[in-house]
Amino acid sequence: MSPTETEEHQALRTAVAALGRRYGRDYLARLAREGGHPDELWADAAKLGYLGVNLPEEYGGGGGGIAELSIVLEELGAAGCPLLMMVVSPAICGTVIARFGTEVQKRAWLPGLADGSRTMAFGITEPDAGSNSHRITTTARRDGDDWLLTGRKVFISGVDIADATLIVGRTEDARTGRLKPCLFIVPRDIPGFSRSVIDMELQAAEKQFELVLDEVRLPADALVGDEDAGLLQLFAGLNPERVMTAAFAIGMGRYALGRAVDYARTRQVWQEPIGAHQAVAHPLAAAHIELELARLMMQKAARLYDAGDDTGAGEAANMAKYAAGEACVRAVDQAVHTLGGNGLTREYGLASLITAARVARIAPVSREMILNFVSHQTLGLPKSY
């Protein structure tokens, strides 16, 4: 696989970058302070076909893949205005429904996800499960033709603006008695489904929620895909999530690095701009190299996934997410350090990224769990748990 992007991908980058420059970092920062949502940017991105670029054409999408969607998110991030719900709504939920949903589910959801008129959240994380998805305790049991869903979820993004949440629950295997993962579409205002905002230090337009599902009654057709193929379907959504998280991190790192480079070119303390000094220039160059390397792994992961190689994509997506998270943190830290005191002011818009950059190290899976995955699956080392 050639790492070189096609002309179509390069044209997509250019077009999305132009949209991002119309909004920029100040737009998202203002919304975060005021408690608003990036509705205007979301609508413009949808109108241009960017939100559904990965979804099938027959349902209103662009017919592309995660490779194209990751370009959109990266370029918006590089402009300072990434849309976090792109990770969730078209990438995870849209992909799962497109691959495994019934025809009725596809027609009900995919056109809206593609044109931005509908959004969907994704609920997997639980208070006591952490990064161990095998400990999920949200359970679904049959009641006649219906399902009854009970459990709790935490750190679920954008539930307040989503029309529904794709909830990861578990059903009992009649043969073994063990719980197996399944995916359910839960409408926002259905009885028994409640949410509360989690008070976060992180300033973002998209809020985080704790969810409680108390005997939520769902029709039989709320189940997505095959009850016996839940794990396969789950990871069909988690691999794109990791690729898109990498795109989010790379875009953020590029934005911070760009601000620092502009500053280093013009800021003059002695006779030359500070960027002429190697102590300033070399760390910025190293940050650029790390971001570019992370992007190459992200592109590999996206192409493997779009080619249908779920196993190869799983390994590459984890590596891409790890590399991008590390590169983003270092780029942001170095950018703030380059600006000195100015790096902590609201005027330059970098200080808030110190916290935001850590998200890619923690979510949707910690870097330590990725190292576990690589050590076990790639290197063949024994498990420690």
Protein backbone atom coordinates (compact mmCIF):
# COMPACT_ATOMS: atom_id res chain seq x y z
CA MET A 1 0.00 0.00 0.00
CA SER A 2 1.39 3.34 -1.00
CA PRO A 3 1.31 5.96 1.75
CA THR A 4 0.90 8.66 -0.89
CA GLU A 5 -2.55 10.22 -0.93
CA THR A 6 -4.59 10.32 -4.10
CA GLU A 7 -5.39 13.57 -5.86
CA GLU A 8 -8.97 13.20 -4.62
CA HIS A 9 -7.76 12.98 -1.03
CA GLN A 10 -5.53 16.00 -1.48
CA ALA A 11 -8.44 17.95 -2.95
CA LEU A 12 -10.61 16.90 -0.02
CA ARG A 13 -7.97 18.15 2.43
CA THR A 14 -7.79 21.50 0.68
CA ALA A 15 -11.55 21.94 0.63
CA VAL A 16 -12.06 20.97 4.28
CA ALA A 17 -9.18 23.19 5.36
CA ALA A 18 -10.91 26.13 3.68
CA LEU A 19 -14.10 25.39 5.62
CA GLY A 20 -12.13 25.11 8.85
CA ARG A 21 -10.50 28.51 8.33
CA ARG A 22 -13.96 30.10 8.13
CA TYR A 23 -14.60 29.04 11.74
CA GLY A 24 -11.31 28.42 13.55
CA ARG A 25 -10.36 28.01 17.17
CA ASP A 26 -12.13 31.13 18.43
CA TYR A 27 -15.48 29.78 17.23
CA LEU A 28 -15.24 26.56 19.26
CA ALA A 29 -13.71 28.29 22.28
CA ARG A 30 -16.60 30.75 22.42
CA LEU A 31 -19.18 27.97 22.19
CA ALA A 32 -17.45 26.03 24.97
CA ARG A 33 -17.56 29.10 27.25
CA GLU A 34 -21.19 29.83 26.43
CA GLY A 35 -22.41 26.25 26.57
CA GLY A 36 -23.39 26.17 22.90
CA HIS A 37 -22.96 23.60 20.17
CA PRO A 38 -21.18 23.96 16.81
CA ASP A 39 -24.45 23.78 14.88
CA GLU A 40 -23.35 26.15 12.11
CA LEU A 41 -20.13 24.27 11.38
CA TRP A 42 -21.93 20.93 11.60
CA ALA A 43 -24.56 22.15 9.11
CA ASP A 44 -21.97 23.52 6.69
CA ALA A 45 -19.91 20.33 6.85
CA ALA A 46 -23.07 18.31 6.20
CA LYS A 47 -24.12 20.51 3.30
CA LEU A 48 -20.76 19.93 1.63
CA GLY A 49 -21.09 16.17 2.11
CA TYR A 50 -18.27 15.83 4.61
CA LEU A 51 -20.18 14.26 7.52
CA GLY A 52 -21.37 11.28 5.51
CA VAL A 53 -18.38 10.88 3.23
CA ASN A 54 -17.81 7.35 4.60
CA LEU A 55 -21.41 6.14 4.31
CA PRO A 56 -22.89 4.23 1.34
CA GLU A 57 -24.12 6.28 -1.59
CA GLU A 58 -27.46 4.47 -1.73
CA TYR A 59 -28.27 5.94 1.69
CA GLY A 60 -27.14 9.48 0.96
CA GLY A 61 -23.47 9.14 1.84
CA GLY A 62 -20.37 9.83 -0.17
CA GLY A 63 -19.47 6.21 -0.79
CA GLY A 64 -15.98 6.63 0.66
CA GLY A 65 -14.52 5.18 3.82
CA ILE A 66 -12.80 5.93 7.09
CA ALA A 67 -9.80 7.18 5.09
CA GLU A 68 -11.88 10.07 3.77
CA LEU A 69 -13.69 10.74 7.05
CA SER A 70 -10.40 10.90 8.95
CA ILE A 71 -9.12 13.52 6.50
CA VAL A 72 -12.17 15.67 7.24
CA LEU A 73 -11.68 15.50 11.01
CA GLU A 74 -7.92 16.02 10.82
CA GLU A 75 -8.23 19.14 8.68
CA LEU A 76 -10.95 20.65 10.86
CA GLY A 77 -8.72 19.95 13.84
CA ALA A 78 -5.74 21.57 12.14
CA ALA A 79 -7.90 24.66 11.68
CA GLY A 80 -8.71 24.63 15.41
CA CYS A 81 -12.33 23.49 15.13
CA PRO A 82 -12.59 19.67 15.25
CA LEU A 83 -16.06 18.15 15.52
CA LEU A 84 -15.89 15.48 18.22
CA MET A 85 -19.27 14.02 17.26
CA MET A 86 -17.79 12.98 13.92
CA VAL A 87 -15.93 10.28 15.84
CA VAL A 88 -19.20 9.01 17.26
CA SER A 89 -22.07 9.59 14.86
CA PRO A 90 -20.84 8.77 11.32
CA ALA A 91 -17.67 6.85 12.22
CA ILE A 92 -18.86 4.44 14.93
CA CYS A 93 -22.64 4.38 14.71
CA GLY A 94 -22.91 4.98 10.98
CA THR A 95 -20.34 2.29 10.23
CA VAL A 96 -21.97 -0.31 12.50
CA ILE A 97 -25.43 0.31 11.06
CA ALA A 98 -24.14 0.35 7.47
CA ARG A 99 -22.34 -2.97 7.96
CA PHE A 100 -24.72 -4.85 10.22
CA GLY A 101 -28.05 -3.03 10.44
CA THR A 102 -31.28 -4.24 8.89
CA GLU A 103 -32.56 -2.55 5.77
CA VAL A 104 -35.14 -0.76 7.91
CA GLN A 105 -32.44 0.52 10.29
CA LYS A 106 -30.25 1.65 7.40
CA ARG A 107 -33.07 3.63 5.78
CA ALA A 108 -34.15 5.06 9.12
CA TRP A 109 -30.70 6.30 10.19
CA LEU A 110 -28.06 6.49 7.49
CA PRO A 111 -29.55 9.32 5.36
CA GLY A 112 -29.91 11.49 8.47
CA LEU A 113 -26.43 10.69 9.73
CA ALA A 114 -25.07 11.51 6.27
CA ASP A 115 -26.80 14.87 5.86
CA GLY A 116 -26.33 15.89 9.50
CA SER A 117 -30.04 16.10 10.30
CA ARG A 118 -29.72 13.24 12.79
CA THR A 119 -26.94 12.35 15.20
CA MET A 120 -26.26 9.31 17.31
CA ALA A 121 -24.18 8.90 20.47
CA PHE A 122 -22.32 5.75 21.49
CA GLY A 123 -22.44 4.22 24.96
CA ILE A 124 -19.91 1.59 25.99
CA THR A 125 -17.89 2.88 29.01
CA GLU A 126 -19.17 1.95 32.46
CA PRO A 127 -18.20 3.11 35.98
CA ASP A 128 -16.79 -0.26 37.10
CA ALA A 129 -15.55 -1.63 33.79
CA GLY A 130 -13.00 0.99 32.78
CA SER A 131 -11.08 -0.22 29.75
CA ASN A 132 -12.23 -3.81 30.26
CA SER A 133 -15.20 -4.17 27.92
CA HIS A 134 -15.61 -7.77 29.11
CA ARG A 135 -16.81 -6.43 32.47
CA ILE A 136 -19.74 -4.50 31.04
CA THR A 137 -22.78 -5.14 33.21
CA THR A 138 -25.50 -3.35 31.24
CA THR A 139 -27.79 -6.26 30.44
CA ALA A 140 -30.66 -6.90 28.08
CA ARG A 141 -33.25 -9.58 28.65
CA ARG A 142 -36.18 -10.61 26.54
CA ASP A 143 -39.72 -9.82 27.63
CA GLY A 144 -42.02 -11.29 25.04
CA ASP A 145 -41.04 -9.70 21.73
CA ASP A 146 -39.35 -6.75 23.49
CA TRP A 147 -36.01 -6.19 25.18
CA LEU A 148 -35.55 -4.74 28.68
CA LEU A 149 -32.24 -2.90 29.06
CA THR A 150 -30.76 -2.03 32.46
CA GLY A 151 -27.40 -0.51 33.40
CA ARG A 152 -25.20 2.58 33.66
CA LYS A 153 -22.78 4.32 31.31
CA VAL A 154 -20.29 7.15 31.88
CA PHE A 155 -18.32 9.61 29.74
CA ILE A 156 -20.79 9.42 26.88
CA SER A 157 -20.39 12.36 24.51
CA GLY A 158 -23.18 14.46 23.06
CA VAL A 159 -26.20 12.57 24.42
CA ASP A 160 -28.09 15.85 24.83
CA ILE A 161 -27.97 16.57 21.09
CA ALA A 162 -28.18 13.00 19.80
CA ASP A 163 -31.46 11.55 18.55
CA ALA A 164 -30.47 8.15 19.92
CA THR A 165 -27.58 6.35 21.59
CA LEU A 166 -26.09 3.10 20.34
CA ILE A 167 -25.77 1.24 23.63
CA VAL A 168 -23.47 -1.71 24.19
CA GLY A 169 -25.26 -4.19 26.42
CA ARG A 170 -24.97 -7.89 27.09
CA THR A 171 -27.43 -10.72 26.65
CA GLU A 172 -27.28 -14.18 28.16
CA ASP A 173 -26.17 -17.01 25.91
CA ALA A 174 -28.76 -19.73 26.36
CA ARG A 175 -26.19 -22.43 25.65
CA THR A 176 -23.45 -21.32 28.06
CA GLY A 177 -25.15 -18.88 30.42
CA ARG A 178 -22.40 -16.35 29.69
CA LEU A 179 -23.08 -12.77 28.77
CA LYS A 180 -22.29 -11.69 25.22
CA PRO A 181 -22.16 -8.12 23.87
CA CYS A 182 -25.00 -6.74 21.76
CA LEU A 183 -25.81 -3.32 20.33
CA PHE A 184 -29.12 -1.52 20.80
CA ILE A 185 -30.51 1.73 19.40
CA VAL A 186 -31.98 3.65 22.35
CA PRO A 187 -34.04 6.79 21.48
CA ARG A 188 -33.17 9.86 23.52
CA ASP A 189 -36.53 10.41 25.26
CA ILE A 190 -37.62 6.82 25.82
CA PRO A 191 -38.98 6.10 29.35
CA GLY A 192 -36.37 4.83 31.81
CA PHE A 193 -33.46 6.44 29.96
CA SER A 194 -31.98 9.36 31.93
CA ARG A 195 -28.79 11.40 31.73
CA SER A 196 -26.79 13.77 33.92
CA VAL A 197 -23.90 16.03 32.96
CA ILE A 198 -20.45 15.13 34.27
CA ASP A 199 -18.62 18.22 35.52
CA MET A 200 -15.40 18.25 33.53
CA GLU A 201 -12.32 20.44 33.80
CA LEU A 202 -12.00 20.01 30.04
CA GLN A 203 -13.70 22.83 28.16
CA ALA A 204 -15.48 21.56 25.07
CA ALA A 205 -18.68 22.23 23.17
CA GLU A 206 -19.58 18.55 23.45
CA LYS A 207 -20.58 17.64 27.00
CA GLN A 208 -19.99 14.32 28.79
CA PHE A 209 -22.83 12.42 30.45
CA GLU A 210 -23.61 9.63 32.84
CA LEU A 211 -26.52 7.50 31.64
CA VAL A 212 -28.92 5.37 33.63
CA LEU A 213 -31.05 2.74 31.90
CA ASP A 214 -33.79 1.51 34.21
CA GLU A 215 -35.76 -1.30 32.59
CA VAL A 216 -35.80 0.54 29.26
CA ARG A 217 -38.27 -1.26 27.03
CA LEU A 218 -37.14 -1.59 23.43
CA PRO A 219 -38.81 -3.26 20.47
CA ALA A 220 -37.19 -6.30 18.90
CA ASP A 221 -35.89 -4.22 16.00
CA ALA A 222 -33.79 -2.03 18.35
CA LEU A 223 -31.15 -4.77 18.25
CA VAL A 224 -28.52 -4.02 15.62
CA GLY A 225 -27.30 -6.99 13.63
CA ASP A 226 -27.01 -10.56 14.82
CA GLU A 227 -27.32 -11.32 18.52
CA ASP A 228 -24.60 -13.98 18.16
CA ALA A 229 -22.11 -11.70 16.37
CA GLY A 230 -22.02 -8.88 18.88
CA LEU A 231 -18.26 -8.86 19.48
CA LEU A 232 -17.48 -8.72 15.77
CA GLN A 233 -19.97 -5.90 15.32
CA LEU A 234 -18.63 -4.03 18.33
CA PHE A 235 -15.06 -3.99 17.03
CA ALA A 236 -16.32 -2.97 13.61
CA GLY A 237 -17.19 0.29 15.34
CA LEU A 238 -14.21 0.51 17.71
CA ASN A 239 -11.56 0.31 14.99
CA PRO A 240 -12.94 3.39 13.16
CA GLU A 241 -13.19 5.10 16.56
CA ARG A 242 -9.46 4.62 17.10
CA VAL A 243 -8.62 5.87 13.60
CA MET A 244 -10.80 8.94 14.10
CA THR A 245 -9.32 9.60 17.54
CA ALA A 246 -5.92 9.57 15.85
CA ALA A 247 -7.21 12.08 13.30
CA PHE A 248 -8.55 14.26 16.11
CA ALA A 249 -5.18 14.19 17.88
CA ILE A 250 -3.11 14.81 14.76
CA GLY A 251 -5.28 17.77 13.81
CA MET A 252 -4.95 19.26 17.29
CA GLY A 253 -1.20 18.74 17.26
CA ARG A 254 -0.91 20.38 13.84
CA TYR A 255 -2.92 23.37 15.03
CA ALA A 256 -0.72 23.87 18.09
CA LEU A 257 2.47 23.39 16.09
CA GLY A 258 1.31 25.88 13.48
CA ARG A 259 0.69 28.55 16.09
CA ALA A 260 4.12 27.93 17.62
CA VAL A 261 5.92 28.05 14.27
CA ASP A 262 4.23 31.32 13.33
CA TYR A 263 5.24 32.77 16.68
CA ALA A 264 8.83 31.51 16.43
CA ARG A 265 9.21 33.10 12.99
CA THR A 266 8.29 36.57 14.21
CA ARG A 267 9.03 36.75 17.94
CA GLN A 268 12.33 38.58 18.38
CA VAL A 269 14.08 38.89 21.74
CA TRP A 270 17.67 39.45 20.58
CA GLN A 271 18.89 40.03 17.05
CA GLU A 272 17.16 37.08 15.36
CA PRO A 273 13.68 35.58 15.66
CA ILE A 274 13.60 32.91 18.35
CA GLY A 275 12.97 30.27 15.66
CA ALA A 276 16.58 30.74 14.53
CA HIS A 277 17.79 29.17 17.77
CA GLN A 278 18.13 25.38 17.68
CA ALA A 279 16.80 25.03 21.23
CA VAL A 280 13.50 26.33 19.85
CA ALA A 281 13.64 25.00 16.29
CA HIS A 282 14.68 21.40 16.95
CA PRO A 283 11.84 20.47 19.34
CA LEU A 284 9.33 21.94 16.88
CA ALA A 285 10.91 19.95 14.05
CA ALA A 286 10.76 16.77 16.17
CA ALA A 287 7.08 17.43 16.94
CA HIS A 288 6.37 17.79 13.21
CA ILE A 289 8.15 14.50 12.45
CA GLU A 290 6.17 12.64 15.12
CA LEU A 291 2.87 13.99 13.81
CA GLU A 292 3.73 12.97 10.26
CA LEU A 293 4.71 9.46 11.38
CA ALA A 294 1.45 9.12 13.31
CA ARG A 295 -0.47 10.21 10.23
CA LEU A 296 1.18 7.47 8.14
CA MET A 297 0.04 4.81 10.61
CA MET A 298 -3.44 6.35 10.68
CA GLN A 299 -3.61 6.18 6.89
CA LYS A 300 -2.48 2.54 6.98
CA ALA A 301 -5.15 1.68 9.53
CA ALA A 302 -7.89 3.45 7.56
CA ARG A 303 -6.93 1.72 4.32
CA LEU A 304 -6.82 -1.70 5.96
CA TYR A 305 -10.23 -1.13 7.48
CA ASP A 306 -11.75 0.15 4.25
CA ALA A 307 -10.29 -2.88 2.45
CA GLY A 308 -12.14 -5.19 4.85
CA ASP A 309 -9.09 -6.42 6.78
CA ASP A 310 -10.54 -6.12 10.29
CA THR A 311 -7.67 -7.99 11.94
CA GLY A 312 -4.94 -5.90 10.32
CA ALA A 313 -6.94 -2.75 10.91
CA GLY A 314 -7.31 -3.56 14.59
CA GLU A 315 -3.58 -3.69 15.13
CA ALA A 316 -2.86 -0.62 13.00
CA ALA A 317 -5.72 1.42 14.48
CA ASN A 318 -4.43 0.83 18.00
CA MET A 319 -0.91 1.79 16.96
CA ALA A 320 -2.17 4.89 15.17
CA LYS A 321 -4.18 6.02 18.16
CA TYR A 322 -1.19 5.49 20.46
CA ALA A 323 1.26 7.32 18.18
CA ALA A 324 -1.11 10.20 17.53
CA GLY A 325 -1.90 10.68 21.21
CA GLU A 326 1.75 10.83 22.14
CA ALA A 327 2.60 13.14 19.23
CA CYS A 328 -0.29 15.46 20.06
CA VAL A 329 0.70 15.84 23.72
CA ARG A 330 4.31 16.60 22.82
CA ALA A 331 3.32 19.06 20.08
CA VAL A 332 0.99 20.96 22.40
CA ASP A 333 3.52 21.02 25.25
CA GLN A 334 6.24 22.28 22.96
CA ALA A 335 3.95 24.89 21.43
CA VAL A 336 3.05 26.30 24.84
CA HIS A 337 6.69 26.23 25.88
CA THR A 338 7.72 28.06 22.71
CA LEU A 339 5.33 30.91 23.45
CA GLY A 340 6.36 31.10 27.11
CA GLY A 341 3.95 33.23 29.10
CA ASN A 342 1.94 33.98 25.97
CA GLY A 343 1.26 30.28 25.64
CA LEU A 344 -0.88 30.47 28.77
CA THR A 345 -3.02 33.40 27.63
CA ARG A 346 -6.49 33.16 26.13
CA GLU A 347 -5.35 35.35 23.25
CA TYR A 348 -3.21 32.60 21.76
CA GLY A 349 -5.64 29.77 22.54
CA LEU A 350 -3.07 27.11 23.44
CA ALA A 351 -3.37 26.71 27.19
CA SER A 352 -6.73 24.91 27.02
CA LEU A 353 -5.17 22.35 24.69
CA ILE A 354 -2.87 21.17 27.49
CA THR A 355 -5.86 19.36 29.00
CA ALA A 356 -7.56 18.55 25.71
CA ALA A 357 -4.44 16.87 24.31
CA ARG A 358 -4.53 14.29 27.09
CA VAL A 359 -7.88 13.00 25.87
CA ALA A 360 -6.20 11.10 23.04
CA ARG A 361 -3.97 9.33 25.57
CA ILE A 362 -6.92 8.27 27.70
CA ALA A 363 -9.92 7.80 25.42
CA PRO A 364 -11.42 5.72 23.96
CA VAL A 365 -8.82 3.31 25.34
CA SER A 366 -5.77 4.09 27.44
CA ARG A 367 -2.28 3.93 25.99
CA GLU A 368 -1.45 1.19 28.52
CA MET A 369 -4.23 -1.03 27.16
CA ILE A 370 -2.89 -0.44 23.65
CA LEU A 371 0.55 -1.53 24.82
CA ASN A 372 -1.10 -4.61 26.30
CA PHE A 373 -2.76 -5.32 22.96
CA VAL A 374 0.47 -4.96 21.01
CA SER A 375 2.50 -7.02 23.47
CA HIS A 376 -0.05 -9.85 23.44
CA GLN A 377 -1.39 -9.83 19.89
CA THR A 378 1.64 -8.63 17.93
CA LEU A 379 4.61 -9.77 19.97
CA GLY A 380 3.05 -12.92 21.36
CA LEU A 381 3.98 -12.18 24.96
CA PRO A 382 1.93 -13.75 27.77
CA LYS A 383 -0.91 -11.82 29.30
CA SER A 384 -0.55 -10.13 32.66
CA TYR A 385 -4.27 -10.27 33.38
